[in-house]
């Protein structure tokens, strides 16, 4: 029979108990250096750690410097940024109402903006007047002659006439 403990599988109960004992024994204990280690040995270990940290910092700063060179503003995005800035700051020629209306109509739009105001095209005006959700198709009107033709008796014909009014 297999035993599960924190996602690990143990074949015997003895292995399980040993794992549980080990987990309980290591909880909350700080890693302490060797109490028999001398001052010089501790300083040597600290110097090694410091050198390793310095190397890591140097490597990180070198990658940052290479990235800064690679994506320098002057070399890569200068023209695009200049064009974007010019487009934002310099106003274009103001369009006439007719030009804006014609362009919107050509594109099939129902609304367009001109000078911060909204306007409707002919399509938009029609949409406002005749809401497609509310309109229903016209009923087919049957002529009096066709009513007379379709009815077999005179009483049936007069019933049809009264019903439609």
N, C-alpha and C. Protein backbone atom coordinates (compact mmCIF):
# COMPACT_ATOMS: atom_id res chain seq x y z
N UNK A 1 0.84 -1.18 0.00
CA UNK A 1 0.00 0.00 0.00
C UNK A 1 0.89 1.24 0.00
N UNK A 2 0.51 2.24 -0.80
CA UNK A 2 1.30 3.46 -0.92
C UNK A 2 0.68 4.55 -0.04
N UNK A 3 1.53 5.40 0.50
CA UNK A 3 1.09 6.50 1.34
C UNK A 3 1.46 7.82 0.66
N UNK A 4 0.53 8.79 0.73
CA UNK A 4 0.77 10.11 0.14
C UNK A 4 0.93 11.14 1.26
N UNK A 5 1.93 12.03 1.10
CA UNK A 5 2.15 13.09 2.07
C UNK A 5 2.69 14.29 1.32
N UNK A 6 1.93 15.40 1.29
CA UNK A 6 2.29 16.62 0.58
C UNK A 6 2.68 16.35 -0.87
N UNK A 7 1.90 15.52 -1.55
CA UNK A 7 2.10 15.28 -2.97
C UNK A 7 3.18 14.28 -3.29
N UNK A 8 3.81 13.72 -2.31
CA UNK A 8 4.85 12.71 -2.56
C UNK A 8 4.33 11.35 -2.15
N UNK A 9 4.80 10.32 -2.84
CA UNK A 9 4.33 8.96 -2.61
C UNK A 9 5.40 8.18 -1.84
N UNK A 10 4.98 7.54 -0.76
CA UNK A 10 5.90 6.71 0.05
C UNK A 10 5.37 5.28 0.05
N UNK A 11 6.31 4.33 -0.15
CA UNK A 11 5.90 2.92 -0.27
C UNK A 11 5.59 2.28 1.08
N UNK A 12 6.35 2.64 2.07
CA UNK A 12 6.14 2.01 3.39
C UNK A 12 5.75 3.07 4.41
N UNK A 13 5.20 2.56 5.53
CA UNK A 13 4.79 3.46 6.59
C UNK A 13 6.01 4.06 7.29
N UNK A 14 7.11 3.32 7.30
CA UNK A 14 8.34 3.81 7.93
C UNK A 14 8.89 5.01 7.16
N UNK A 15 8.86 4.95 5.82
CA UNK A 15 9.33 6.08 5.02
C UNK A 15 8.46 7.31 5.25
N UNK A 16 7.16 7.08 5.35
CA UNK A 16 6.23 8.16 5.60
C UNK A 16 6.52 8.83 6.94
N UNK A 17 6.70 8.03 7.99
CA UNK A 17 6.97 8.59 9.33
C UNK A 17 8.27 9.37 9.34
N UNK A 18 9.30 8.85 8.62
CA UNK A 18 10.59 9.53 8.56
C UNK A 18 10.44 10.89 7.86
N UNK A 19 9.65 10.94 6.79
CA UNK A 19 9.43 12.20 6.07
C UNK A 19 8.68 13.21 6.94
N UNK A 20 7.69 12.71 7.70
CA UNK A 20 6.93 13.59 8.57
C UNK A 20 7.81 14.13 9.69
N UNK A 21 8.66 13.27 10.24
CA UNK A 21 9.56 13.67 11.32
C UNK A 21 10.55 14.73 10.82
N UNK A 22 11.05 14.51 9.60
CA UNK A 22 12.00 15.44 9.02
C UNK A 22 11.34 16.80 8.79
N UNK A 23 10.08 16.80 8.31
CA UNK A 23 9.35 18.04 8.05
C UNK A 23 9.11 18.80 9.34
N UNK A 24 8.76 18.09 10.41
CA UNK A 24 8.51 18.74 11.70
C UNK A 24 9.81 19.26 12.28
N UNK A 25 10.91 18.53 12.11
CA UNK A 25 12.20 18.92 12.67
C UNK A 25 12.80 20.14 12.03
N UNK A 26 12.50 20.39 10.75
CA UNK A 26 13.11 21.53 10.05
C UNK A 26 12.25 22.79 10.09
N UNK A 27 11.02 22.70 10.56
CA UNK A 27 10.14 23.88 10.58
C UNK A 27 10.64 24.93 11.56
N UNK A 28 10.69 26.19 11.08
CA UNK A 28 10.96 27.32 11.96
C UNK A 28 12.39 27.45 12.42
N UNK A 29 13.31 26.61 11.95
CA UNK A 29 14.72 26.73 12.38
C UNK A 29 15.50 27.55 11.38
N UNK A 30 16.30 28.47 11.87
CA UNK A 30 17.14 29.28 11.00
C UNK A 30 18.44 28.54 10.74
N UNK A 31 18.99 28.79 9.57
CA UNK A 31 20.27 28.16 9.24
C UNK A 31 21.37 28.94 9.95
N UNK A 32 22.06 28.27 10.82
CA UNK A 32 23.10 28.92 11.61
C UNK A 32 24.45 28.40 11.13
N UNK A 33 25.44 29.28 11.06
CA UNK A 33 26.77 28.86 10.65
C UNK A 33 27.39 27.91 11.69
N UNK A 34 28.46 27.34 11.31
CA UNK A 34 29.16 26.41 12.20
C UNK A 34 29.66 27.17 13.43
N UNK A 35 29.32 26.68 14.62
CA UNK A 35 29.71 27.41 15.83
C UNK A 35 31.22 27.27 16.10
N UNK A 36 31.83 26.30 15.45
CA UNK A 36 33.28 26.11 15.64
C UNK A 36 34.08 26.85 14.58
N UNK A 37 33.39 27.54 13.68
CA UNK A 37 34.06 28.25 12.60
C UNK A 37 34.67 29.54 13.17
N UNK A 38 35.88 29.84 12.77
CA UNK A 38 36.57 31.01 13.31
C UNK A 38 36.22 32.28 12.56
N UNK A 39 36.73 33.38 13.09
CA UNK A 39 36.46 34.69 12.52
C UNK A 39 36.99 34.80 11.09
N UNK A 40 38.18 34.33 10.83
CA UNK A 40 38.78 34.43 9.50
C UNK A 40 37.98 33.63 8.47
N UNK A 41 37.54 32.46 8.86
CA UNK A 41 36.75 31.63 7.94
C UNK A 41 35.42 32.31 7.60
N UNK A 42 34.80 32.94 8.62
CA UNK A 42 33.55 33.64 8.37
C UNK A 42 33.77 34.81 7.42
N UNK A 43 34.85 35.56 7.61
CA UNK A 43 35.15 36.69 6.73
C UNK A 43 35.41 36.23 5.30
N UNK A 44 36.10 35.09 5.17
CA UNK A 44 36.40 34.54 3.85
C UNK A 44 35.11 34.15 3.12
N UNK A 45 34.19 33.50 3.86
CA UNK A 45 32.91 33.09 3.28
C UNK A 45 32.10 34.33 2.87
N UNK A 46 32.12 35.38 3.71
CA UNK A 46 31.40 36.61 3.40
C UNK A 46 31.99 37.30 2.17
N UNK A 47 33.30 37.27 2.02
CA UNK A 47 33.96 37.88 0.86
C UNK A 47 33.57 37.14 -0.42
N UNK A 48 33.51 35.80 -0.35
CA UNK A 48 33.11 35.01 -1.52
C UNK A 48 31.67 35.37 -1.94
N UNK A 49 30.80 35.48 -0.95
CA UNK A 49 29.40 35.82 -1.24
C UNK A 49 29.32 37.21 -1.85
N UNK A 50 30.13 38.13 -1.35
CA UNK A 50 30.13 39.50 -1.86
C UNK A 50 30.62 39.55 -3.30
N UNK A 51 31.64 38.79 -3.61
CA UNK A 51 32.17 38.74 -4.98
C UNK A 51 31.12 38.17 -5.93
N UNK A 52 30.44 37.11 -5.50
CA UNK A 52 29.41 36.50 -6.33
C UNK A 52 28.27 37.49 -6.60
N UNK A 53 27.88 38.24 -5.56
CA UNK A 53 26.83 39.23 -5.72
C UNK A 53 27.27 40.34 -6.66
N UNK A 54 28.52 40.77 -6.56
CA UNK A 54 29.06 41.80 -7.44
C UNK A 54 29.06 41.36 -8.89
N UNK A 55 29.43 40.08 -9.12
CA UNK A 55 29.43 39.57 -10.49
C UNK A 55 28.00 39.57 -11.07
N UNK A 56 27.06 39.19 -10.26
CA UNK A 56 25.66 39.17 -10.71
C UNK A 56 25.19 40.58 -11.06
N UNK A 57 25.57 41.55 -10.21
CA UNK A 57 25.17 42.94 -10.46
C UNK A 57 25.82 43.47 -11.75
N UNK A 58 27.09 43.12 -11.96
CA UNK A 58 27.80 43.57 -13.15
C UNK A 58 27.14 43.00 -14.41
N UNK A 59 26.80 41.72 -14.36
CA UNK A 59 26.15 41.09 -15.51
C UNK A 59 24.81 41.76 -15.82
N UNK A 60 24.06 42.06 -14.78
CA UNK A 60 22.76 42.71 -14.98
C UNK A 60 22.93 44.10 -15.57
N UNK A 61 23.90 44.86 -15.07
CA UNK A 61 24.10 46.22 -15.59
C UNK A 61 24.60 46.18 -17.04
N UNK A 62 25.42 45.17 -17.37
CA UNK A 62 25.90 45.06 -18.76
C UNK A 62 24.75 44.77 -19.72
N UNK A 63 23.82 43.92 -19.31
CA UNK A 63 22.68 43.63 -20.20
C UNK A 63 21.80 44.87 -20.34
N UNK A 64 21.68 45.66 -19.29
CA UNK A 64 20.89 46.89 -19.38
C UNK A 64 21.56 47.89 -20.33
N UNK A 65 22.87 48.00 -20.24
CA UNK A 65 23.59 48.93 -21.11
C UNK A 65 23.44 48.53 -22.57
N UNK A 66 23.54 47.21 -22.85
CA UNK A 66 23.41 46.76 -24.24
C UNK A 66 21.99 47.01 -24.75
N UNK A 67 21.00 46.85 -23.87
CA UNK A 67 19.62 47.11 -24.28
C UNK A 67 19.41 48.59 -24.55
N UNK A 68 20.03 49.45 -23.74
CA UNK A 68 19.90 50.88 -23.96
C UNK A 68 20.52 51.29 -25.29
N UNK A 69 21.66 50.69 -25.64
CA UNK A 69 22.29 50.99 -26.92
C UNK A 69 21.41 50.51 -28.07
N UNK A 70 20.86 49.32 -27.91
CA UNK A 70 20.06 48.70 -28.97
C UNK A 70 18.80 49.52 -29.25
N UNK A 71 18.16 50.02 -28.20
CA UNK A 71 16.90 50.74 -28.36
C UNK A 71 17.05 52.23 -28.08
N UNK A 72 18.16 52.81 -28.47
CA UNK A 72 18.37 54.23 -28.24
C UNK A 72 17.35 55.04 -29.04
N UNK A 73 16.84 56.11 -28.46
CA UNK A 73 15.81 56.91 -29.09
C UNK A 73 16.32 57.55 -30.38
N UNK A 74 17.57 57.99 -30.37
CA UNK A 74 18.11 58.68 -31.54
C UNK A 74 18.14 57.75 -32.75
N UNK A 75 18.55 56.51 -32.51
CA UNK A 75 18.79 55.63 -33.65
C UNK A 75 17.54 55.00 -34.20
N UNK A 76 16.59 54.64 -33.34
CA UNK A 76 15.53 53.77 -33.82
C UNK A 76 14.21 54.47 -34.11
N UNK A 77 13.64 55.13 -33.13
CA UNK A 77 12.29 55.62 -33.26
C UNK A 77 12.21 57.13 -33.49
N UNK A 78 13.30 57.76 -33.86
CA UNK A 78 13.33 59.21 -33.94
C UNK A 78 12.35 59.76 -34.97
N UNK A 79 12.37 59.20 -36.17
CA UNK A 79 11.52 59.74 -37.23
C UNK A 79 10.04 59.55 -36.90
N UNK A 80 9.69 58.37 -36.42
CA UNK A 80 8.29 58.09 -36.10
C UNK A 80 7.81 59.01 -34.98
N UNK A 81 8.66 59.23 -33.98
CA UNK A 81 8.28 60.09 -32.86
C UNK A 81 8.11 61.53 -33.33
N UNK A 82 9.02 61.99 -34.20
CA UNK A 82 8.91 63.36 -34.71
C UNK A 82 7.62 63.56 -35.50
N UNK A 83 7.32 62.60 -36.36
CA UNK A 83 6.09 62.70 -37.17
C UNK A 83 4.85 62.71 -36.28
N UNK A 84 4.86 61.88 -35.26
CA UNK A 84 3.71 61.82 -34.36
C UNK A 84 3.55 63.13 -33.60
N UNK A 85 4.67 63.69 -33.13
CA UNK A 85 4.61 64.96 -32.41
C UNK A 85 4.10 66.09 -33.31
N UNK A 86 4.57 66.12 -34.56
CA UNK A 86 4.13 67.15 -35.50
C UNK A 86 2.63 67.03 -35.77
N UNK A 87 2.17 65.79 -35.93
CA UNK A 87 0.75 65.58 -36.22
C UNK A 87 -0.12 66.02 -35.06
N UNK A 88 0.38 65.87 -33.84
CA UNK A 88 -0.40 66.27 -32.67
C UNK A 88 -0.45 67.78 -32.52
N UNK A 89 0.65 68.45 -32.82
CA UNK A 89 0.73 69.88 -32.53
C UNK A 89 0.27 70.77 -33.67
N UNK A 90 0.49 70.36 -34.93
CA UNK A 90 0.11 71.23 -36.04
C UNK A 90 -1.29 70.87 -36.52
N UNK A 91 -2.19 71.83 -36.52
CA UNK A 91 -3.56 71.53 -36.97
C UNK A 91 -3.61 71.40 -38.49
N UNK A 92 -4.48 70.53 -38.97
CA UNK A 92 -4.64 70.35 -40.40
C UNK A 92 -5.64 71.35 -40.95
N UNK A 93 -5.84 71.31 -42.26
CA UNK A 93 -6.80 72.20 -42.90
C UNK A 93 -8.21 71.76 -42.51
N UNK A 94 -9.05 72.73 -42.14
CA UNK A 94 -10.40 72.41 -41.71
C UNK A 94 -11.24 72.00 -42.92
N UNK A 95 -11.97 70.88 -42.76
CA UNK A 95 -12.82 70.40 -43.85
C UNK A 95 -14.13 71.17 -43.87
N UNK A 96 -14.66 71.31 -45.06
CA UNK A 96 -15.97 71.95 -45.17
C UNK A 96 -17.04 70.92 -44.81
N UNK A 97 -18.25 71.43 -44.54
CA UNK A 97 -19.35 70.54 -44.19
C UNK A 97 -19.65 69.59 -45.35
N UNK A 98 -19.61 70.12 -46.56
CA UNK A 98 -19.93 69.32 -47.74
C UNK A 98 -18.94 68.16 -47.88
N UNK A 99 -17.64 68.45 -47.71
CA UNK A 99 -16.63 67.40 -47.82
C UNK A 99 -16.86 66.30 -46.78
N UNK A 100 -17.11 66.71 -45.54
CA UNK A 100 -17.34 65.74 -44.46
C UNK A 100 -18.60 64.93 -44.71
N UNK A 101 -19.66 65.60 -45.14
CA UNK A 101 -20.94 64.93 -45.41
C UNK A 101 -20.78 63.91 -46.55
N UNK A 102 -20.11 64.35 -47.62
CA UNK A 102 -19.91 63.45 -48.77
C UNK A 102 -19.06 62.25 -48.40
N UNK A 103 -18.02 62.47 -47.61
CA UNK A 103 -17.14 61.36 -47.21
C UNK A 103 -17.90 60.36 -46.35
N UNK A 104 -18.71 60.85 -45.42
CA UNK A 104 -19.48 59.95 -44.55
C UNK A 104 -20.53 59.19 -45.34
N UNK A 105 -21.16 59.87 -46.29
CA UNK A 105 -22.18 59.22 -47.11
C UNK A 105 -21.54 58.14 -47.98
N UNK A 106 -20.38 58.44 -48.52
CA UNK A 106 -19.67 57.48 -49.37
C UNK A 106 -19.27 56.23 -48.59
N UNK A 107 -18.88 56.42 -47.34
CA UNK A 107 -18.49 55.29 -46.49
C UNK A 107 -19.69 54.53 -45.94
N UNK A 108 -20.89 55.07 -46.13
CA UNK A 108 -22.09 54.39 -45.66
C UNK A 108 -22.39 54.63 -44.19
N UNK A 109 -21.84 55.70 -43.63
CA UNK A 109 -22.06 55.99 -42.21
C UNK A 109 -23.37 56.75 -42.04
N UNK A 110 -23.97 56.61 -40.86
CA UNK A 110 -25.20 57.36 -40.59
C UNK A 110 -24.90 58.64 -39.80
N UNK A 111 -23.73 58.71 -39.17
CA UNK A 111 -23.36 59.89 -38.39
C UNK A 111 -21.93 60.28 -38.72
N UNK A 112 -21.59 61.55 -38.55
CA UNK A 112 -20.21 62.00 -38.70
C UNK A 112 -19.97 63.20 -37.80
N UNK A 113 -18.70 63.48 -37.51
CA UNK A 113 -18.32 64.59 -36.64
C UNK A 113 -17.63 65.66 -37.46
N UNK A 114 -17.91 66.91 -37.14
CA UNK A 114 -17.24 68.04 -37.78
C UNK A 114 -17.13 69.15 -36.75
N UNK A 115 -15.93 69.51 -36.44
CA UNK A 115 -15.70 70.59 -35.47
C UNK A 115 -16.24 70.28 -34.09
N UNK A 116 -16.20 69.03 -33.69
CA UNK A 116 -16.64 68.64 -32.36
C UNK A 116 -18.15 68.45 -32.23
N UNK A 117 -18.88 68.64 -33.33
CA UNK A 117 -20.33 68.45 -33.30
C UNK A 117 -20.69 67.23 -34.14
N UNK A 118 -21.74 66.55 -33.74
CA UNK A 118 -22.20 65.39 -34.48
C UNK A 118 -23.31 65.76 -35.45
N UNK A 119 -23.25 65.20 -36.64
CA UNK A 119 -24.25 65.43 -37.66
C UNK A 119 -24.72 64.09 -38.21
N UNK A 120 -25.91 64.10 -38.82
CA UNK A 120 -26.47 62.90 -39.43
C UNK A 120 -26.40 63.01 -40.95
N UNK A 121 -26.16 61.88 -41.59
CA UNK A 121 -26.26 61.84 -43.04
C UNK A 121 -27.72 61.53 -43.38
N UNK A 122 -28.02 61.41 -44.67
CA UNK A 122 -29.39 61.10 -45.07
C UNK A 122 -29.81 59.76 -44.50
N UNK A 123 -28.86 58.83 -44.45
CA UNK A 123 -29.14 57.51 -43.89
C UNK A 123 -29.48 57.61 -42.40
N UNK A 124 -28.75 58.45 -41.68
CA UNK A 124 -29.01 58.63 -40.25
C UNK A 124 -30.35 59.26 -39.98
N UNK A 125 -30.73 60.23 -40.83
CA UNK A 125 -32.03 60.88 -40.66
C UNK A 125 -33.15 59.87 -40.88
N UNK A 126 -32.98 59.01 -41.86
CA UNK A 126 -33.99 58.00 -42.14
C UNK A 126 -34.10 57.02 -40.97
N UNK A 127 -32.96 56.65 -40.40
CA UNK A 127 -32.98 55.73 -39.24
C UNK A 127 -33.73 56.34 -38.08
N UNK A 128 -33.55 57.65 -37.86
CA UNK A 128 -34.25 58.31 -36.76
C UNK A 128 -35.75 58.38 -37.01
N UNK A 129 -36.12 58.63 -38.27
CA UNK A 129 -37.53 58.78 -38.61
C UNK A 129 -38.24 57.43 -38.58
N UNK A 130 -37.62 56.44 -39.19
CA UNK A 130 -38.24 55.12 -39.28
C UNK A 130 -37.37 54.11 -38.54
N UNK A 131 -37.67 53.91 -37.29
CA UNK A 131 -36.91 52.96 -36.48
C UNK A 131 -37.20 51.54 -36.99
N UNK A 132 -36.19 50.83 -37.47
CA UNK A 132 -36.44 49.51 -38.06
C UNK A 132 -37.01 48.50 -37.07
N UNK A 133 -36.81 48.72 -35.78
CA UNK A 133 -37.34 47.76 -34.81
C UNK A 133 -38.84 47.98 -34.57
N UNK A 134 -39.31 49.21 -34.81
CA UNK A 134 -40.71 49.51 -34.52
C UNK A 134 -41.62 49.41 -35.74
N UNK A 135 -41.05 49.54 -36.92
CA UNK A 135 -41.89 49.51 -38.12
C UNK A 135 -42.26 48.08 -38.46
N UNK A 136 -43.46 47.93 -39.01
CA UNK A 136 -43.88 46.60 -39.45
C UNK A 136 -44.33 46.72 -40.90
N UNK A 137 -44.26 45.65 -41.65
CA UNK A 137 -44.60 45.74 -43.06
C UNK A 137 -46.09 46.04 -43.24
N UNK A 138 -46.41 46.69 -44.32
CA UNK A 138 -47.80 47.05 -44.61
C UNK A 138 -48.59 45.78 -44.93
N UNK A 139 -49.84 45.80 -44.49
CA UNK A 139 -50.69 44.64 -44.76
C UNK A 139 -51.09 44.64 -46.22
N UNK A 140 -51.21 43.44 -46.77
CA UNK A 140 -51.59 43.32 -48.16
C UNK A 140 -53.08 43.62 -48.29
N UNK A 141 -53.41 44.58 -49.12
CA UNK A 141 -54.82 44.95 -49.29
C UNK A 141 -55.40 44.16 -50.46
N UNK A 142 -56.55 43.63 -50.19
CA UNK A 142 -57.23 42.86 -51.23
C UNK A 142 -58.31 43.76 -51.85
N UNK A 143 -58.34 43.81 -53.14
CA UNK A 143 -59.32 44.68 -53.80
C UNK A 143 -60.73 44.11 -53.64
N UNK A 144 -61.72 44.98 -53.81
CA UNK A 144 -63.12 44.57 -53.65
C UNK A 144 -63.47 43.52 -54.72
N UNK A 145 -62.92 43.74 -55.88
CA UNK A 145 -63.20 42.80 -56.97
C UNK A 145 -62.68 41.40 -56.64
N UNK A 146 -61.44 41.34 -56.06
CA UNK A 146 -60.88 40.03 -55.73
C UNK A 146 -61.65 39.39 -54.57
N UNK A 147 -62.16 40.21 -53.66
CA UNK A 147 -62.99 39.67 -52.57
C UNK A 147 -64.28 39.06 -53.14
N UNK A 148 -64.85 39.80 -54.10
CA UNK A 148 -66.07 39.31 -54.72
C UNK A 148 -65.81 38.02 -55.49
N UNK A 149 -64.67 37.98 -56.15
CA UNK A 149 -64.31 36.81 -56.96
C UNK A 149 -64.07 35.59 -56.08
N UNK A 150 -63.43 35.80 -54.91
CA UNK A 150 -63.07 34.67 -54.05
C UNK A 150 -64.25 34.16 -53.21
N UNK A 151 -65.26 34.99 -52.98
CA UNK A 151 -66.38 34.54 -52.16
C UNK A 151 -67.39 33.78 -53.02
N UNK A 152 -67.98 32.74 -52.42
CA UNK A 152 -68.91 31.89 -53.16
C UNK A 152 -70.34 32.41 -53.10
N UNK A 153 -70.65 33.04 -51.95
CA UNK A 153 -72.02 33.54 -51.80
C UNK A 153 -71.99 35.03 -51.51
N UNK A 154 -73.15 35.67 -51.64
CA UNK A 154 -73.25 37.10 -51.37
C UNK A 154 -73.03 37.41 -49.91
N UNK A 155 -73.51 36.57 -49.02
CA UNK A 155 -73.33 36.82 -47.58
C UNK A 155 -71.86 36.73 -47.20
N UNK A 156 -71.16 35.80 -47.82
CA UNK A 156 -69.71 35.68 -47.56
C UNK A 156 -68.98 36.93 -48.03
N UNK A 157 -69.37 37.46 -49.17
CA UNK A 157 -68.76 38.68 -49.70
C UNK A 157 -68.97 39.85 -48.76
N UNK A 158 -70.21 40.02 -48.23
CA UNK A 158 -70.48 41.13 -47.33
C UNK A 158 -69.75 40.98 -45.98
N UNK A 159 -69.54 39.75 -45.56
CA UNK A 159 -68.76 39.51 -44.33
C UNK A 159 -67.33 39.97 -44.52
N UNK A 160 -66.74 39.69 -45.68
CA UNK A 160 -65.37 40.10 -45.97
C UNK A 160 -65.26 41.62 -46.02
N UNK A 161 -66.24 42.27 -46.56
CA UNK A 161 -66.23 43.73 -46.65
C UNK A 161 -66.25 44.36 -45.25
N UNK A 162 -67.12 43.81 -44.38
CA UNK A 162 -67.24 44.35 -43.02
C UNK A 162 -65.97 44.08 -42.22
N UNK A 163 -65.37 42.93 -42.39
CA UNK A 163 -64.18 42.54 -41.61
C UNK A 163 -62.99 43.46 -41.87
N UNK A 164 -62.80 43.90 -43.06
CA UNK A 164 -61.63 44.72 -43.42
C UNK A 164 -61.78 46.15 -42.96
N UNK A 165 -63.02 46.64 -42.76
CA UNK A 165 -63.22 48.03 -42.35
C UNK A 165 -62.91 48.17 -40.92
